[in-house]
Amino acid sequence: MNRTLCALVAALTLHGAAVAEPPAATGWQLVGRLGLLQFIVVPEASARDRAYYDRIIETVCNDDTESCFLRFFTNASGVAMSFPLPDAVLAEPTVMFQRSAKHQREQFQWSCRLGLAESACF
């Protein structure tokens, strides 16, 4: 019984959340979760807009006292969304956001491919 419960919990954790549809006017899409890590696809037109990301972060990570880990991508080729993400989407990272409640630290980091990094990029 204990093995079955552990296997079920592991399967649910690895699968992540069901694909969520974004609010119609925002254009972004939460496509999956892996534990605390959430994967979001944004429109290419907004990929370099810091204020756009700040609005998404405020919506998704609405509790400043909890940890929140986000990875943002674009989907230039328009491939069908699935989770795990298709390679075409994984090749288009834009931003990495991390808020650690434990360390009381927040980090917003641009992808090097965008050429926007003020200091370090990933």
C-alpha atoms as a PDB file:
ATOM      1  CA  MET A   1       0.000   0.000   0.000  1.00  0.00           C
ATOM      2  CA  ASN A   2       2.790   2.408   0.957  1.00  0.00           C
ATOM      3  CA  ARG A   3       4.661   1.675  -2.315  1.00  0.00           C
ATOM      4  CA  THR A   4       1.505   2.319  -4.341  1.00  0.00           C
ATOM      5  CA  LEU A   5       0.924   5.654  -2.601  1.00  0.00           C
ATOM      6  CA  CYS A   6       4.548   6.694  -3.153  1.00  0.00           C
ATOM      7  CA  ALA A   7       4.363   5.746  -6.831  1.00  0.00           C
ATOM      8  CA  LEU A   8       1.150   7.734  -7.266  1.00  0.00           C
ATOM      9  CA  VAL A   9       2.620  10.832  -5.597  1.00  0.00           C
ATOM     10  CA  ALA A  10       5.765  10.561  -7.739  1.00  0.00           C
ATOM     11  CA  ALA A  11       3.758  10.212 -10.941  1.00  0.00           C
ATOM     12  CA  LEU A  12       1.613  13.225 -10.125  1.00  0.00           C
ATOM     13  CA  THR A  13       4.643  15.317  -9.214  1.00  0.00           C
ATOM     14  CA  LEU A  14       6.503  14.442 -12.416  1.00  0.00           C
ATOM     15  CA  HIS A  15       3.504  14.939 -14.657  1.00  0.00           C
ATOM     16  CA  GLY A  16       2.857  18.433 -13.314  1.00  0.00           C
ATOM     17  CA  ALA A  17      -0.339  20.369 -13.581  1.00  0.00           C
ATOM     18  CA  ALA A  18      -2.745  20.151 -16.449  1.00  0.00           C
ATOM     19  CA  VAL A  19      -2.139  22.664 -19.196  1.00  0.00           C
ATOM     20  CA  ALA A  20      -3.801  25.892 -18.135  1.00  0.00           C
ATOM     21  CA  GLU A  21      -5.276  28.388 -20.520  1.00  0.00           C
ATOM     22  CA  PRO A  22      -4.321  32.033 -19.991  1.00  0.00           C
ATOM     23  CA  PRO A  23      -6.835  34.796 -19.521  1.00  0.00           C
ATOM     24  CA  ALA A  24      -7.818  35.846 -23.064  1.00  0.00           C
ATOM     25  CA  ALA A  25      -6.273  39.328 -22.987  1.00  0.00           C
ATOM     26  CA  THR A  26      -2.865  38.439 -21.514  1.00  0.00           C
ATOM     27  CA  GLY A  27      -1.380  36.250 -24.237  1.00  0.00           C
ATOM     28  CA  TRP A  28       0.737  34.134 -21.862  1.00  0.00           C
ATOM     29  CA  GLN A  29       0.140  30.505 -21.048  1.00  0.00           C
ATOM     30  CA  LEU A  30       1.061  28.411 -18.018  1.00  0.00           C
ATOM     31  CA  VAL A  31       1.962  25.136 -19.722  1.00  0.00           C
ATOM     32  CA  GLY A  32       3.134  23.000 -16.844  1.00  0.00           C
ATOM     33  CA  ARG A  33       4.551  22.588 -13.377  1.00  0.00           C
ATOM     34  CA  LEU A  34       7.253  20.471 -11.889  1.00  0.00           C
ATOM     35  CA  GLY A  35       7.008  20.832  -8.124  1.00  0.00           C
ATOM     36  CA  LEU A  36       7.385  24.556  -7.389  1.00  0.00           C
ATOM     37  CA  LEU A  37       8.796  25.261 -10.860  1.00  0.00           C
ATOM     38  CA  GLN A  38       6.256  26.682 -13.331  1.00  0.00           C
ATOM     39  CA  PHE A  39       6.743  26.907 -17.114  1.00  0.00           C
ATOM     40  CA  ILE A  40       5.169  29.834 -18.965  1.00  0.00           C
ATOM     41  CA  VAL A  41       5.082  30.636 -22.684  1.00  0.00           C
ATOM     42  CA  VAL A  42       4.844  34.316 -23.650  1.00  0.00           C
ATOM     43  CA  PRO A  43       4.190  35.952 -27.032  1.00  0.00           C
ATOM     44  CA  GLU A  44       7.300  36.884 -29.002  1.00  0.00           C
ATOM     45  CA  ALA A  45       6.122  40.495 -29.172  1.00  0.00           C
ATOM     46  CA  SER A  46       6.358  40.714 -25.355  1.00  0.00           C
ATOM     47  CA  ALA A  47       9.564  38.701 -24.899  1.00  0.00           C
ATOM     48  CA  ARG A  48      11.718  41.785 -24.218  1.00  0.00           C
ATOM     49  CA  ASP A  49       9.185  43.727 -22.123  1.00  0.00           C
ATOM     50  CA  ARG A  50      10.208  43.721 -18.438  1.00  0.00           C
ATOM     51  CA  ALA A  51       6.905  45.305 -17.334  1.00  0.00           C
ATOM     52  CA  TYR A  52       5.018  42.452 -19.041  1.00  0.00           C
ATOM     53  CA  TYR A  53       6.949  39.870 -17.000  1.00  0.00           C
ATOM     54  CA  ASP A  54       6.414  41.880 -13.824  1.00  0.00           C
ATOM     55  CA  ARG A  55       2.630  41.691 -14.367  1.00  0.00           C
ATOM     56  CA  ILE A  56       2.780  37.914 -14.899  1.00  0.00           C
ATOM     57  CA  ILE A  57       4.984  37.455 -11.837  1.00  0.00           C
ATOM     58  CA  GLU A  58       2.556  39.525  -9.769  1.00  0.00           C
ATOM     59  CA  THR A  59      -0.323  37.339 -10.975  1.00  0.00           C
ATOM     60  CA  VAL A  60       1.346  33.940 -10.608  1.00  0.00           C
ATOM     61  CA  CYS A  61       3.484  34.661  -7.533  1.00  0.00           C
ATOM     62  CA  ASN A  62       0.900  36.721  -5.677  1.00  0.00           C
ATOM     63  CA  ASP A  63       2.092  35.780  -2.177  1.00  0.00           C
ATOM     64  CA  ASP A  64       5.393  37.508  -1.334  1.00  0.00           C
ATOM     65  CA  THR A  65       5.916  35.168   1.624  1.00  0.00           C
ATOM     66  CA  GLU A  66       6.096  31.992  -0.501  1.00  0.00           C
ATOM     67  CA  SER A  67       8.781  30.717  -2.862  1.00  0.00           C
ATOM     68  CA  CYS A  68       8.029  31.018  -6.565  1.00  0.00           C
ATOM     69  CA  PHE A  69      10.128  29.688  -9.436  1.00  0.00           C
ATOM     70  CA  LEU A  70       9.197  30.575 -13.043  1.00  0.00           C
ATOM     71  CA  ARG A  71      10.774  29.766 -16.408  1.00  0.00           C
ATOM     72  CA  PHE A  72       9.585  31.739 -19.433  1.00  0.00           C
ATOM     73  CA  PHE A  73       9.829  30.757 -23.115  1.00  0.00           C
ATOM     74  CA  THR A  74       8.486  31.832 -26.496  1.00  0.00           C
ATOM     75  CA  ASN A  75       7.076  29.574 -29.201  1.00  0.00           C
ATOM     76  CA  ALA A  76       8.180  31.052 -32.540  1.00  0.00           C
ATOM     77  CA  SER A  77       7.429  27.875 -34.475  1.00  0.00           C
ATOM     78  CA  GLY A  78       3.898  27.583 -33.074  1.00  0.00           C
ATOM     79  CA  VAL A  79       4.280  23.943 -32.045  1.00  0.00           C
ATOM     80  CA  ALA A  80       1.459  22.358 -30.063  1.00  0.00           C
ATOM     81  CA  MET A  81       1.963  22.820 -26.350  1.00  0.00           C
ATOM     82  CA  SER A  82       2.608  19.775 -24.234  1.00  0.00           C
ATOM     83  CA  PHE A  83       4.470  19.045 -21.055  1.00  0.00           C
ATOM     84  CA  PRO A  84       7.336  18.326 -20.916  1.00  0.00           C
ATOM     85  CA  LEU A  85       7.906  21.198 -23.306  1.00  0.00           C
ATOM     86  CA  PRO A  86       8.827  20.410 -26.911  1.00  0.00           C
ATOM     87  CA  ASP A  87      12.470  20.993 -27.879  1.00  0.00           C
ATOM     88  CA  ALA A  88      11.455  23.890 -30.160  1.00  0.00           C
ATOM     89  CA  VAL A  89      10.075  25.758 -27.134  1.00  0.00           C
ATOM     90  CA  LEU A  90      12.938  24.785 -24.806  1.00  0.00           C
ATOM     91  CA  ALA A  91      15.294  26.366 -27.354  1.00  0.00           C
ATOM     92  CA  GLU A  92      13.603  29.761 -26.824  1.00  0.00           C
ATOM     93  CA  PRO A  93      14.122  30.694 -23.149  1.00  0.00           C
ATOM     94  CA  THR A  94      13.481  34.325 -22.267  1.00  0.00           C
ATOM     95  CA  VAL A  95      13.488  34.852 -18.500  1.00  0.00           C
ATOM     96  CA  MET A  96      14.165  32.993 -15.290  1.00  0.00           C
ATOM     97  CA  PHE A  97      12.501  34.298 -12.129  1.00  0.00           C
ATOM     98  CA  GLN A  98      13.126  32.947  -8.649  1.00  0.00           C
ATOM     99  CA  ARG A  99      11.797  34.051  -5.285  1.00  0.00           C
ATOM    100  CA  SER A 100      13.104  32.141  -2.292  1.00  0.00           C
ATOM    101  CA  ALA A 101      11.107  32.576   0.901  1.00  0.00           C
ATOM    102  CA  LYS A 102      13.786  30.676   2.813  1.00  0.00           C
ATOM    103  CA  HIS A 103      16.619  32.967   1.712  1.00  0.00           C
ATOM    104  CA  GLN A 104      14.415  36.074   1.373  1.00  0.00           C
ATOM    105  CA  ARG A 105      15.870  36.747  -2.049  1.00  0.00           C
ATOM    106  CA  GLU A 106      14.465  37.419  -5.492  1.00  0.00           C
ATOM    107  CA  GLN A 107      16.197  37.101  -8.870  1.00  0.00           C
ATOM    108  CA  PHE A 108      15.080  38.122 -12.366  1.00  0.00           C
ATOM    109  CA  GLN A 109      17.444  37.010 -15.120  1.00  0.00           C
ATOM    110  CA  TRP A 110      17.256  37.481 -18.892  1.00  0.00           C
ATOM    111  CA  SER A 111      18.261  34.750 -21.314  1.00  0.00           C
ATOM    112  CA  CYS A 112      21.574  35.493 -23.029  1.00  0.00           C
ATOM    113  CA  ARG A 113      19.906  34.856 -26.398  1.00  0.00           C
ATOM    114  CA  LEU A 114      17.895  38.075 -26.021  1.00  0.00           C
ATOM    115  CA  GLY A 115      20.950  40.292 -25.522  1.00  0.00           C
ATOM    116  CA  LEU A 116      19.269  42.256 -22.712  1.00  0.00           C
ATOM    117  CA  ALA A 117      21.290  41.169 -19.701  1.00  0.00           C
ATOM    118  CA  GLU A 118      22.327  44.053 -17.512  1.00  0.00           C
ATOM    119  CA  SER A 119      24.903  41.854 -15.810  1.00  0.00           C
ATOM    120  CA  ALA A 120      24.724  38.066 -15.803  1.00  0.00           C
ATOM    121  CA  CYS A 121      22.446  36.063 -18.094  1.00  0.00           C
ATOM    122  CA  PHE A 122      21.647  32.386 -18.367  1.00  0.00           C
END
